Amino acid sequence: MNIRKLLSLMAVLACAVFSLPGIAAKPGGNGTDKSYSLVVQAQAEYVDSNGDPTTDAIPRSVVAPVKVQAFLKNEAPPSTSASNPGSWELLITNPGVTIFTDATHQPSGATNGVVNGTAVATSPTRILITNMAPLKGKQVYVLTFYVTSCGDALWNANVNTGSSLNGDSFTRINDTIDPATGLATNLQTLISCGALACGNSVTLVADEASQSPALVVTRGPYNSDGSCGATSDFFASNKLQTGNGQVHFRWPVGSGGQPLAAWAYNVVSTTSTPPKLAWLNSDGTKATQAITDKTPAYLDSATIPLQCQLTNGQAGVLPAPYGILSNSANSNTTHIKVDTSSPNAVLPTPPAPFDIVIGTERMRVTSAQNSTWTVVRATGNTSADSHPTGAKVMSTPLPLLPTTAFQATLADGTAVNPAPFPYVPGQQAQMCIASGPTQVVPATDPPTWSTTIIDIGDAWVKIN
């Protein structure tokens, strides 16, 4: 089996070089006559749990490969023949997907509906279009192609008057800039892998590019604070092929989002070494932007305890209630009253000591005598808060980071000592290894291993 193809789906995960994103080009240099605009749009399709086409069913999952179109417009005035593009290249400058081609999914381009030029994918992140009939002023060239699956990507282009990226170059104009990131939204394709409600799972069937096993993504039955609000899309940007073996898993956390959602998913590797883990947000805060120029620093489970904590002796248990508060608790309360009767309790009360989460505050239970639990407040560098009667008392699989300084490494292996923000000694981790690596069954050639990750905050995973 082609290992590059195998790695292009990794778990839920499907697809792509971790490089600095290109920002909007400024007009000038070649004059306004040699300018172009570019819009890249994904046209993802989805199916429900029965495999039927859907736009709004829950749960739903993406159909791979995904169709994408790039619209290149010659912004020169009409009838200016010296300002007509004759060739161009489309590039993924921050891949979360990779370009897919087989006999039925080759890239092609057209002007006014007429096939124009020769389009060839020269790498997983580049399509070259040559020998175009000149693209006249205000005309639009439509490039149609496919990417392996879902994820976040940023695109760019180089445009020339000559037939093979020669001659004069063009300047990109008319970008729509997101003030929060400084990036051009017209150059982004943010392709959702699917959408889940609390307690849903979805199987991402292997796409045609990867030939890897079908894999499962699960959203926990509760958010980490015990709530469960709206459904949530999720995005898995696979940077395995071109970016030091990285994957970024995220979900929307803006208005109407679910920043405290909990997820479990697998990552697939050709090595039995446990993956390294990273996150860019601090505890209790929102995740990063979809496309970021920040570089995560990775923690190694060989030296830092990143295995998920056991819940009643079981690994990989997503957050669930031990009960609810039967009395309110202020920020100084050290003896809380917990109602563990059905249906308030989903999990049985474990023997002390064990960890709980109420809201976003983590506590250590040192004694659980019937309904009275003695707790150490604000552990894991969380903040003590007041909690109302009825607040859910939740389990947590997340371990604590070491209480003394520790080291991290960048994706290229550069050591960072001590580990940078947001890693703080004693802080609660934002993700953990629930199980594995275990060899994938049925066996693959070469062998592959699967690791289950629990993620409660903007996770990055690096395959060694």
Protein backbone atom coordinates (compact mmCIF):
# COMPACT_ATOMS: atom_id res chain seq x y z
CA MET A 1 0.00 0.00 0.00
CA ASN A 2 1.24 3.50 -0.84
CA ILE A 3 2.11 4.91 2.58
CA ARG A 4 1.68 8.53 1.46
CA LYS A 5 -1.87 7.66 0.49
CA LEU A 6 -2.44 5.79 3.73
CA LEU A 7 -1.39 8.76 5.82
CA SER A 8 -3.61 11.19 3.94
CA LEU A 9 -6.68 10.21 5.97
CA MET A 10 -5.33 9.65 9.44
CA ALA A 11 -8.28 9.05 11.71
CA VAL A 12 -10.95 11.40 11.04
CA LEU A 13 -8.34 13.15 9.46
CA ALA A 14 -7.75 13.92 5.99
CA CYS A 15 -5.21 16.06 4.73
CA ALA A 16 -1.91 18.46 4.50
CA VAL A 17 2.87 21.96 4.80
CA PHE A 18 2.79 23.75 7.83
CA SER A 19 4.11 27.05 6.56
CA LEU A 20 3.40 30.68 7.19
CA PRO A 21 0.12 31.68 5.57
CA GLY A 22 0.25 34.11 2.70
CA ILE A 23 -1.39 37.43 3.38
CA ALA A 24 -3.08 39.66 0.91
CA ALA A 25 -0.88 40.99 -1.85
CA LYS A 26 -0.87 44.73 -2.32
CA PRO A 27 -1.56 46.26 -5.69
CA GLY A 28 1.29 47.97 -7.44
CA GLY A 29 4.63 47.00 -8.89
CA ASN A 30 3.33 46.04 -12.33
CA GLY A 31 0.66 48.70 -12.61
CA THR A 32 -3.08 48.24 -12.40
CA ASP A 33 -3.27 46.73 -15.87
CA LYS A 34 -1.55 43.54 -14.69
CA SER A 35 -3.70 42.58 -11.75
CA TYR A 36 -5.99 39.71 -10.87
CA SER A 37 -8.38 38.64 -8.15
CA LEU A 38 -8.81 35.12 -6.80
CA VAL A 39 -11.63 33.39 -4.96
CA VAL A 40 -11.37 29.74 -3.86
CA GLN A 41 -14.55 27.91 -2.88
CA ALA A 42 -15.08 24.38 -1.58
CA GLN A 43 -18.25 22.55 -2.60
CA ALA A 44 -18.40 19.81 0.01
CA GLU A 45 -21.23 17.28 0.06
CA TYR A 46 -22.45 15.41 3.14
CA VAL A 47 -24.31 12.22 4.00
CA ASP A 48 -26.33 11.19 7.04
CA SER A 49 -25.80 8.07 9.14
CA ASN A 50 -27.56 5.99 6.45
CA GLY A 51 -25.31 7.29 3.71
CA ASP A 52 -28.04 9.42 2.17
CA PRO A 53 -27.23 12.93 0.87
CA THR A 54 -28.02 15.67 3.37
CA THR A 55 -27.39 19.31 4.13
CA ASP A 56 -28.64 19.48 7.71
CA ALA A 57 -29.05 15.98 9.20
CA ILE A 58 -27.28 15.23 12.47
CA PRO A 59 -24.97 13.39 12.54
CA ARG A 60 -23.50 13.99 9.11
CA SER A 61 -20.11 13.37 7.52
CA VAL A 62 -18.25 14.68 4.51
CA VAL A 63 -18.09 12.83 1.20
CA ALA A 64 -14.53 12.58 -0.06
CA PRO A 65 -12.91 13.68 -2.27
CA VAL A 66 -14.26 17.24 -2.08
CA LYS A 67 -14.78 19.43 -5.14
CA VAL A 68 -13.10 22.85 -5.07
CA GLN A 69 -13.20 25.68 -7.61
CA ALA A 70 -10.78 28.58 -7.96
CA PHE A 71 -12.05 31.66 -9.80
CA LEU A 72 -9.21 33.72 -11.32
CA LYS A 73 -10.39 37.06 -12.74
CA ASN A 74 -8.28 39.29 -14.96
CA GLU A 75 -8.85 42.71 -13.40
CA ALA A 76 -7.27 44.59 -16.31
CA PRO A 77 -9.52 46.81 -18.44
CA PRO A 78 -11.07 45.07 -21.45
CA SER A 79 -9.14 45.04 -24.73
CA THR A 80 -5.74 45.45 -23.08
CA SER A 81 -3.97 42.55 -24.80
CA ALA A 82 -0.64 43.17 -23.06
CA SER A 83 -2.38 42.40 -19.76
CA ASN A 84 -3.79 38.95 -20.52
CA PRO A 85 -2.66 35.98 -18.38
CA GLY A 86 -1.32 33.01 -20.32
CA SER A 87 -0.45 30.73 -17.39
CA TRP A 88 -0.70 30.54 -13.62
CA GLU A 89 -0.18 28.26 -10.66
CA LEU A 90 -2.46 27.64 -7.68
CA LEU A 91 -0.68 26.88 -4.41
CA ILE A 92 -1.73 25.74 -0.95
CA THR A 93 0.38 27.93 1.31
CA ASN A 94 -1.01 26.52 4.56
CA PRO A 95 -2.39 23.07 3.80
CA GLY A 96 -5.06 21.35 5.79
CA VAL A 97 -6.04 19.39 2.70
CA THR A 98 -4.07 18.01 -0.21
CA ILE A 99 -4.91 17.93 -3.91
CA PHE A 100 -6.34 14.64 -5.12
CA THR A 101 -6.16 13.27 -8.64
CA ASP A 102 -7.10 9.99 -10.24
CA ALA A 103 -8.47 9.15 -13.66
CA THR A 104 -11.84 10.72 -12.89
CA HIS A 105 -10.72 13.66 -10.72
CA GLN A 106 -8.11 15.45 -12.80
CA PRO A 107 -8.01 19.26 -12.56
CA SER A 108 -9.45 21.21 -15.48
CA GLY A 109 -10.02 24.85 -16.33
CA ALA A 110 -12.47 26.78 -18.48
CA THR A 111 -13.19 30.32 -19.59
CA ASN A 112 -16.82 31.14 -20.39
CA GLY A 113 -17.53 27.41 -20.16
CA VAL A 114 -14.90 26.50 -22.78
CA VAL A 115 -11.97 24.32 -21.70
CA ASN A 116 -8.85 26.47 -21.62
CA GLY A 117 -5.22 25.48 -21.09
CA THR A 118 -3.61 22.41 -19.52
CA ALA A 119 -4.03 21.96 -15.77
CA VAL A 120 -1.76 19.47 -13.97
CA ALA A 121 -1.31 18.78 -10.25
CA THR A 122 2.47 18.76 -9.89
CA SER A 123 2.43 18.06 -6.14
CA PRO A 124 -0.11 17.59 -3.32
CA THR A 125 -0.09 21.38 -2.89
CA ARG A 126 0.29 22.80 -6.43
CA ILE A 127 -1.64 22.90 -9.71
CA LEU A 128 0.08 24.37 -12.80
CA ILE A 129 -2.05 25.80 -15.63
CA THR A 130 -0.16 26.43 -18.88
CA ASN A 131 -0.81 27.25 -22.55
CA MET A 132 -3.98 29.18 -21.84
CA ALA A 133 -5.79 31.08 -24.51
CA PRO A 134 -5.15 34.60 -23.18
CA LEU A 135 -7.56 35.51 -20.42
CA LYS A 136 -8.93 38.87 -21.53
CA GLY A 137 -9.76 41.81 -19.30
CA LYS A 138 -12.62 41.11 -16.84
CA GLN A 139 -12.85 37.46 -17.92
CA VAL A 140 -12.86 34.70 -15.31
CA TYR A 141 -10.96 31.44 -15.49
CA VAL A 142 -12.66 28.66 -13.48
CA LEU A 143 -10.32 25.92 -12.24
CA THR A 144 -12.10 22.80 -10.98
CA PHE A 145 -10.23 20.19 -8.92
CA TYR A 146 -10.59 17.92 -5.90
CA VAL A 147 -8.99 17.69 -2.47
CA THR A 148 -8.67 14.53 -0.43
CA SER A 149 -11.11 15.44 2.30
CA CYS A 150 -11.87 17.98 5.03
CA GLY A 151 -9.73 20.58 6.82
CA ASP A 152 -8.57 24.19 6.75
CA ALA A 153 -6.43 25.46 3.89
CA LEU A 154 -5.08 28.80 2.63
CA TRP A 155 -4.38 29.31 -1.08
CA ASN A 156 -2.32 31.65 -3.26
CA ALA A 157 -1.45 32.03 -6.93
CA ASN A 158 1.26 33.24 -9.28
CA VAL A 159 0.00 34.61 -12.60
CA ASN A 160 2.04 35.42 -15.74
CA THR A 161 1.51 36.67 -19.27
CA GLY A 162 3.59 33.87 -20.82
CA SER A 163 2.30 30.39 -21.59
CA SER A 164 4.54 28.65 -19.04
CA LEU A 165 4.85 30.93 -15.99
CA ASN A 166 7.11 33.24 -17.99
CA GLY A 167 6.70 36.84 -19.05
CA ASP A 168 5.35 39.57 -16.84
CA SER A 169 3.76 38.77 -13.49
CA PHE A 170 0.44 39.97 -12.10
CA THR A 171 -0.48 41.43 -8.72
CA ARG A 172 -3.44 40.14 -6.70
CA ILE A 173 -6.04 42.73 -5.63
CA ASN A 174 -9.53 42.88 -4.14
CA ASP A 175 -8.91 40.52 -1.23
CA THR A 176 -11.43 40.48 1.62
CA ILE A 177 -9.37 40.72 4.80
CA ASP A 178 -10.49 39.31 8.13
CA PRO A 179 -9.44 42.00 10.66
CA ALA A 180 -9.03 39.37 13.38
CA THR A 181 -6.37 37.41 11.49
CA GLY A 182 -5.14 39.71 8.71
CA LEU A 183 -5.84 36.87 6.25
CA ALA A 184 -7.84 36.96 3.04
CA THR A 185 -11.09 35.05 3.52
CA ASN A 186 -11.44 34.66 -0.26
CA LEU A 187 -8.31 32.47 -0.18
CA GLN A 188 -9.52 30.14 2.59
CA THR A 189 -11.33 26.84 2.25
CA LEU A 190 -12.59 25.69 5.65
CA ILE A 191 -14.10 22.29 4.90
CA SER A 192 -16.10 20.74 7.73
CA CYS A 193 -15.60 17.00 8.27
CA GLY A 194 -19.16 16.75 9.56
CA ALA A 195 -21.39 17.77 12.45
CA LEU A 196 -22.32 15.99 15.68
CA ALA A 197 -24.68 16.52 18.57
CA CYS A 198 -23.69 15.46 22.08
CA GLY A 199 -23.30 11.69 22.22
CA ASN A 200 -23.09 11.27 18.42
CA SER A 201 -20.43 9.31 16.57
CA VAL A 202 -19.65 9.33 12.89
CA THR A 203 -17.55 7.02 10.77
CA LEU A 204 -15.39 8.80 8.24
CA VAL A 205 -15.17 6.34 5.41
CA ALA A 206 -11.76 6.12 3.79
CA ASP A 207 -11.59 8.50 0.84
CA GLU A 208 -10.32 7.44 -2.57
CA ALA A 209 -6.93 9.00 -1.93
CA SER A 210 -6.01 7.23 1.28
CA GLN A 211 -7.22 3.63 1.13
CA SER A 212 -6.84 3.63 4.92
CA PRO A 213 -9.27 2.11 7.46
CA ALA A 214 -12.55 3.84 8.16
CA LEU A 215 -12.27 5.71 11.44
CA VAL A 216 -14.62 7.07 14.05
CA VAL A 217 -15.03 10.50 15.66
CA THR A 218 -17.16 10.74 18.80
CA ARG A 219 -18.52 13.81 20.52
CA GLY A 220 -18.94 13.26 24.25
CA PRO A 221 -22.47 12.97 25.68
CA TYR A 222 -21.68 16.09 27.73
CA ASN A 223 -19.48 19.12 27.38
CA SER A 224 -16.72 19.24 29.97
CA ASP A 225 -18.87 21.44 32.24
CA GLY A 226 -21.86 19.10 32.01
CA SER A 227 -23.85 21.23 29.59
CA CYS A 228 -24.84 20.19 26.11
CA GLY A 229 -25.85 22.89 23.71
CA ALA A 230 -25.95 23.15 19.96
CA THR A 231 -24.60 20.70 17.44
CA SER A 232 -21.05 21.34 16.31
CA ASP A 233 -19.10 20.98 13.13
CA PHE A 234 -15.54 19.71 13.39
CA PHE A 235 -12.45 20.16 11.23
CA ALA A 236 -9.43 17.90 10.94
CA SER A 237 -6.51 19.45 9.06
CA ASN A 238 -4.06 16.75 8.05
CA LYS A 239 -0.53 18.07 7.58
CA LEU A 240 1.01 14.60 7.47
CA GLN A 241 2.17 14.53 3.88
CA THR A 242 3.83 17.91 3.80
CA GLY A 243 4.25 19.24 7.31
CA ASN A 244 6.28 17.19 9.79
CA GLY A 245 3.47 14.73 10.44
CA GLN A 246 0.99 17.09 12.09
CA VAL A 247 -2.78 17.09 12.45
CA HIS A 248 -4.92 19.93 13.80
CA PHE A 249 -8.38 19.09 15.16
CA ARG A 250 -10.69 22.00 15.92
CA TRP A 251 -14.34 23.03 16.14
CA PRO A 252 -16.06 26.44 16.04
CA VAL A 253 -15.98 28.30 19.34
CA GLY A 254 -17.33 31.71 18.36
CA SER A 255 -20.89 32.94 18.78
CA GLY A 256 -23.13 29.90 19.11
CA GLY A 257 -20.12 27.57 19.29
CA GLN A 258 -19.34 24.91 21.87
CA PRO A 259 -15.92 25.81 23.31
CA LEU A 260 -16.21 23.20 26.10
CA ALA A 261 -17.19 20.27 23.86
CA ALA A 262 -15.30 17.01 24.38
CA TRP A 263 -14.19 14.75 21.53
CA ALA A 264 -12.53 11.39 20.97
CA TYR A 265 -10.88 10.32 17.72
CA ASN A 266 -8.09 8.17 16.36
CA VAL A 267 -4.84 9.02 14.65
CA VAL A 268 -3.05 6.49 12.48
CA SER A 269 0.72 6.19 12.20
CA THR A 270 3.33 3.92 10.64
CA THR A 271 5.19 3.78 13.96
CA SER A 272 4.25 2.31 17.32
CA THR A 273 5.72 5.35 19.08
CA PRO A 274 3.02 7.39 20.86
CA PRO A 275 2.30 10.71 19.12
CA LYS A 276 3.30 14.03 20.66
CA LEU A 277 0.53 16.40 21.74
CA ALA A 278 0.16 20.18 21.60
CA TRP A 279 -2.44 22.90 22.07
CA LEU A 280 -2.38 26.65 21.58
CA ASN A 281 -5.11 27.81 23.97
CA SER A 282 -4.97 28.09 27.74
CA ASP A 283 -7.45 26.35 30.00
CA GLY A 284 -10.99 27.67 29.76
CA THR A 285 -10.32 29.95 26.78
CA LYS A 286 -11.45 29.71 23.20
CA ALA A 287 -9.44 27.84 20.61
CA THR A 288 -7.29 29.48 17.97
CA GLN A 289 -8.44 30.82 14.63
CA ALA A 290 -9.07 28.28 11.88
CA ILE A 291 -5.80 29.16 10.16
CA THR A 292 -3.05 30.44 12.40
CA ASP A 293 0.56 31.46 11.92
CA LYS A 294 1.34 30.32 15.44
CA THR A 295 3.58 27.28 15.79
CA PRO A 296 2.55 24.73 18.42
CA ALA A 297 5.21 23.34 20.72
CA TYR A 298 4.75 19.62 21.35
CA LEU A 299 4.85 17.69 24.60
CA ASP A 300 6.25 14.16 24.62
CA SER A 301 4.33 11.50 26.56
CA ALA A 302 7.61 9.65 27.05
CA THR A 303 8.68 12.34 29.52
CA ILE A 304 5.40 14.08 30.47
CA PRO A 305 2.33 12.20 31.75
CA LEU A 306 -0.17 12.70 28.92
CA GLN A 307 -2.09 9.45 29.32
CA CYS A 308 -5.75 10.06 30.19
CA GLN A 309 -6.66 9.60 33.83
CA LEU A 310 -8.71 6.54 34.70
CA THR A 311 -12.38 6.99 35.55
CA ASN A 312 -13.51 4.25 37.92
CA GLY A 313 -10.59 2.20 36.66
CA GLN A 314 -11.45 2.68 32.97
CA ALA A 315 -9.41 4.57 30.39
CA GLY A 316 -10.83 6.81 27.72
CA VAL A 317 -14.05 7.81 29.50
CA LEU A 318 -15.36 11.14 28.22
CA PRO A 319 -16.67 13.61 30.86
CA ALA A 320 -19.91 12.53 32.54
CA PRO A 321 -21.73 13.45 35.78
CA TYR A 322 -21.05 11.87 39.16
CA GLY A 323 -24.10 13.83 40.33
CA ILE A 324 -25.27 17.39 40.88
CA LEU A 325 -24.77 19.91 43.67
CA SER A 326 -27.64 19.68 46.14
CA ASN A 327 -26.49 22.92 47.79
CA SER A 328 -24.81 25.93 46.24
CA ALA A 329 -21.10 26.40 46.86
CA ASN A 330 -19.21 29.68 47.07
CA SER A 331 -15.56 30.10 46.10
CA ASN A 332 -14.38 29.13 49.60
CA THR A 333 -16.52 26.04 50.20
CA THR A 334 -14.44 22.93 50.91
CA HIS A 335 -17.31 20.56 51.75
CA ILE A 336 -19.79 20.22 48.90
CA LYS A 337 -23.12 18.44 48.93
CA VAL A 338 -23.59 16.08 45.97
CA ASP A 339 -26.82 14.34 44.94
CA THR A 340 -25.74 11.03 43.39
CA SER A 341 -29.22 9.60 42.90
CA SER A 342 -30.53 8.54 39.50
CA PRO A 343 -30.79 10.20 37.01
CA ASN A 344 -28.41 12.85 38.33
CA ALA A 345 -25.47 10.45 38.42
CA VAL A 346 -24.33 8.74 35.22
CA LEU A 347 -21.11 7.42 36.78
CA PRO A 348 -20.77 5.76 40.19
CA THR A 349 -18.80 7.61 42.84
CA PRO A 350 -15.21 6.30 42.78
CA PRO A 351 -13.08 5.85 45.89
CA ALA A 352 -11.26 9.02 46.94
CA PRO A 353 -9.06 10.65 45.93
CA PHE A 354 -10.33 11.57 42.47
CA ASP A 355 -10.77 14.69 40.35
CA ILE A 356 -13.95 16.51 39.40
CA VAL A 357 -14.90 19.54 37.33
CA ILE A 358 -17.75 21.94 38.17
CA GLY A 359 -18.18 24.60 35.50
CA THR A 360 -14.59 25.26 34.46
CA GLU A 361 -13.14 24.76 37.96
CA ARG A 362 -11.23 21.59 38.67
CA MET A 363 -11.24 20.17 42.21
CA ARG A 364 -9.60 17.25 44.01
CA VAL A 365 -11.97 15.13 46.09
CA THR A 366 -10.09 13.87 49.16
CA SER A 367 -13.10 12.28 50.88
CA ALA A 368 -16.56 11.26 49.65
CA GLN A 369 -18.74 10.34 52.62
CA ASN A 370 -22.24 9.74 51.29
CA SER A 371 -23.45 13.11 50.01
CA THR A 372 -20.68 15.20 51.61
CA TRP A 373 -17.49 15.49 49.61
CA THR A 374 -14.35 17.21 50.90
CA VAL A 375 -12.53 19.00 48.10
CA VAL A 376 -9.35 20.92 47.36
CA ARG A 377 -10.45 23.89 45.27
CA ALA A 378 -9.03 25.34 42.04
CA THR A 379 -6.59 22.57 41.17
CA GLY A 380 -4.86 22.43 37.79
CA ASN A 381 -4.41 26.22 37.81
CA THR A 382 -8.16 26.72 37.36
CA SER A 383 -9.98 29.47 39.26
CA ALA A 384 -12.26 29.04 42.28
CA ASP A 385 -15.80 30.16 41.52
CA SER A 386 -19.30 30.06 42.99
CA HIS A 387 -21.51 27.19 41.76
CA PRO A 388 -25.31 27.04 41.98
CA THR A 389 -27.50 24.25 43.24
CA GLY A 390 -28.03 21.76 40.42
CA ALA A 391 -24.61 22.29 38.82
CA LYS A 392 -23.27 19.04 37.41
CA VAL A 393 -20.29 17.44 39.15
CA MET A 394 -18.30 16.05 36.24
CA SER A 395 -15.56 13.50 35.77
CA THR A 396 -12.46 14.48 33.83
CA PRO A 397 -9.94 12.36 31.92
CA LEU A 398 -7.44 15.21 31.64
CA PRO A 399 -4.12 14.82 33.52
CA LEU A 400 -2.12 17.62 35.13
CA LEU A 401 1.17 18.83 33.71
CA PRO A 402 4.29 18.43 35.89
CA THR A 403 4.64 20.94 38.71
CA THR A 404 8.24 21.70 37.77
CA ALA A 405 9.55 23.22 34.52
CA PHE A 406 9.52 20.89 31.52
CA GLN A 407 10.60 20.92 27.87
CA ALA A 408 8.66 21.06 24.60
CA THR A 409 9.78 20.67 21.00
CA LEU A 410 8.70 22.39 17.81
CA ALA A 411 7.51 20.33 14.84
CA ASP A 412 11.01 20.43 13.34
CA GLY A 413 12.50 18.98 16.53
CA THR A 414 13.86 22.24 17.97
CA ALA A 415 13.84 22.06 21.78
CA VAL A 416 12.09 24.79 23.77
CA ASN A 417 13.12 24.73 27.41
CA PRO A 418 11.18 25.60 29.43
CA ALA A 419 8.01 24.91 27.47
CA PRO A 420 6.37 28.15 26.27
CA PHE A 421 2.90 29.56 27.04
CA PRO A 422 0.23 28.24 27.31
CA TYR A 423 2.00 25.40 29.10
CA VAL A 424 2.25 26.19 32.81
CA PRO A 425 3.58 23.78 35.46
CA GLY A 426 0.70 22.13 37.28
CA GLN A 427 -1.89 23.21 34.70
CA GLN A 428 -4.61 20.91 33.44
CA ALA A 429 -3.76 19.42 30.04
CA GLN A 430 -6.22 20.11 27.22
CA MET A 431 -5.96 16.65 25.64
CA CYS A 432 -4.70 13.19 26.48
CA ILE A 433 -3.96 9.74 25.07
CA ALA A 434 -6.87 7.43 25.88
CA SER A 435 -5.40 4.25 24.41
CA GLY A 436 -2.76 2.95 22.06
CA PRO A 437 -0.85 2.91 19.93
CA THR A 438 -2.34 -0.45 18.93
CA GLN A 439 -1.79 -2.16 15.61
CA VAL A 440 -4.60 -1.64 13.11
CA VAL A 441 -6.67 -4.75 12.34
CA PRO A 442 -6.92 -6.05 9.69
CA ALA A 443 -3.18 -5.78 9.23
CA THR A 444 -1.82 -3.32 6.70
CA ASP A 445 1.41 -3.41 4.73
CA PRO A 446 3.46 -1.73 6.07
CA PRO A 447 1.95 -2.11 9.56
CA THR A 448 0.06 0.86 11.02
CA TRP A 449 -0.88 1.80 14.57
CA SER A 450 -3.88 3.69 15.92
CA THR A 451 -3.95 5.98 18.96
CA THR A 452 -7.16 7.30 20.54
CA ILE A 453 -7.09 10.94 21.60
CA ILE A 454 -9.49 12.75 23.94
CA ASP A 455 -9.57 16.43 23.07
CA ILE A 456 -11.16 19.28 25.03
CA GLY A 457 -9.24 22.19 23.47
CA ASP A 458 -7.72 22.93 20.06
CA ALA A 459 -5.51 19.87 19.69
CA TRP A 460 -2.45 19.34 17.56
CA VAL A 461 -1.02 15.85 17.16
CA LYS A 462 2.45 15.08 15.79
CA ILE A 463 3.21 11.64 14.45
CA ASN A 464 6.81 10.67 15.14
